[in-house]
Protein backbone atom coordinates (compact mmCIF):
# COMPACT_ATOMS: atom_id res chain seq x y z
CA UNK A 1 21.68 -78.17 25.05
CA UNK A 2 24.36 -80.01 26.95
CA UNK A 3 25.06 -79.74 30.66
CA UNK A 4 27.54 -81.31 33.02
CA UNK A 5 26.83 -82.75 36.42
CA UNK A 6 27.77 -80.84 39.54
CA UNK A 7 28.17 -77.16 40.00
CA UNK A 8 30.28 -75.06 42.31
CA UNK A 9 27.70 -75.77 45.03
CA UNK A 10 28.85 -79.34 45.61
CA UNK A 11 31.73 -81.70 44.90
CA UNK A 12 29.91 -84.90 45.82
CA UNK A 13 27.98 -87.16 43.48
CA UNK A 14 24.49 -86.31 42.27
CA UNK A 15 21.64 -88.69 41.50
CA UNK A 16 19.99 -89.00 38.11
CA UNK A 17 16.44 -89.51 39.38
CA UNK A 18 13.37 -91.23 37.97
CA UNK A 19 11.07 -88.32 38.93
CA UNK A 20 11.72 -84.64 39.66
CA UNK A 21 11.93 -84.88 43.44
CA UNK A 22 14.67 -85.57 45.99
CA UNK A 23 13.09 -88.78 47.28
CA UNK A 24 12.67 -90.40 43.86
CA UNK A 25 14.63 -93.54 42.93
CA UNK A 26 18.19 -92.89 41.73
CA UNK A 27 18.71 -94.33 38.25
CA UNK A 28 22.44 -93.62 38.21
CA UNK A 29 24.92 -91.76 40.36
CA UNK A 30 26.59 -89.00 38.36
CA UNK A 31 30.15 -87.93 38.96
CA UNK A 32 31.61 -84.46 38.45
CA UNK A 33 31.91 -83.67 34.76
CA UNK A 34 29.45 -86.30 33.49
CA UNK A 35 27.74 -84.77 30.46
CA UNK A 36 23.99 -85.01 29.85
CA UNK A 37 21.65 -83.94 27.06
CA UNK A 38 18.93 -81.62 28.33
CA UNK A 39 15.49 -82.63 27.04
CA UNK A 40 13.38 -80.14 28.99
CA UNK A 41 13.91 -77.44 31.59
CA UNK A 42 11.52 -76.93 34.49
CA UNK A 43 11.59 -74.44 37.32
CA UNK A 44 13.96 -76.45 39.53
CA UNK A 45 14.77 -79.62 37.54
CA UNK A 46 16.24 -80.56 34.17
CA UNK A 47 14.86 -83.59 32.36
CA UNK A 48 17.93 -85.14 30.80
CA UNK A 49 19.18 -88.06 28.75
CA UNK A 50 22.34 -89.81 29.87
CA UNK A 51 24.26 -90.57 26.64
CA UNK A 52 26.28 -93.28 28.42
CA UNK A 53 23.21 -95.38 29.30
CA UNK A 54 20.61 -93.70 27.03
CA UNK A 55 18.27 -93.48 30.04
CA UNK A 56 16.23 -90.38 30.76
CA UNK A 57 15.72 -88.88 34.19
CA UNK A 58 15.85 -85.71 36.22
CA UNK A 59 18.62 -83.70 37.87
CA UNK A 60 18.13 -80.67 40.10
CA UNK A 61 19.20 -77.51 38.28
CA UNK A 62 21.32 -76.43 41.29
CA UNK A 63 23.67 -79.33 40.56
CA UNK A 64 24.17 -78.73 36.83
CA UNK A 65 26.31 -76.34 34.80
CA UNK A 66 25.51 -75.55 31.16
CA UNK A 67 28.34 -76.02 28.73
């Protein structure tokens, strides 16, 4: 599954995080429209792979749109 960063809830950047929590280290700042490969889906977080850097991390589901 593919998803893009940012939903209608926000227009600011979103952090690709090392762990599934809001205080975890930001691996990369995602901009609107950045596409990610979804590896796993949890209750409130997606585990994703960033095809640009090939790094894996987590993004809150509220800030993602499936495409």
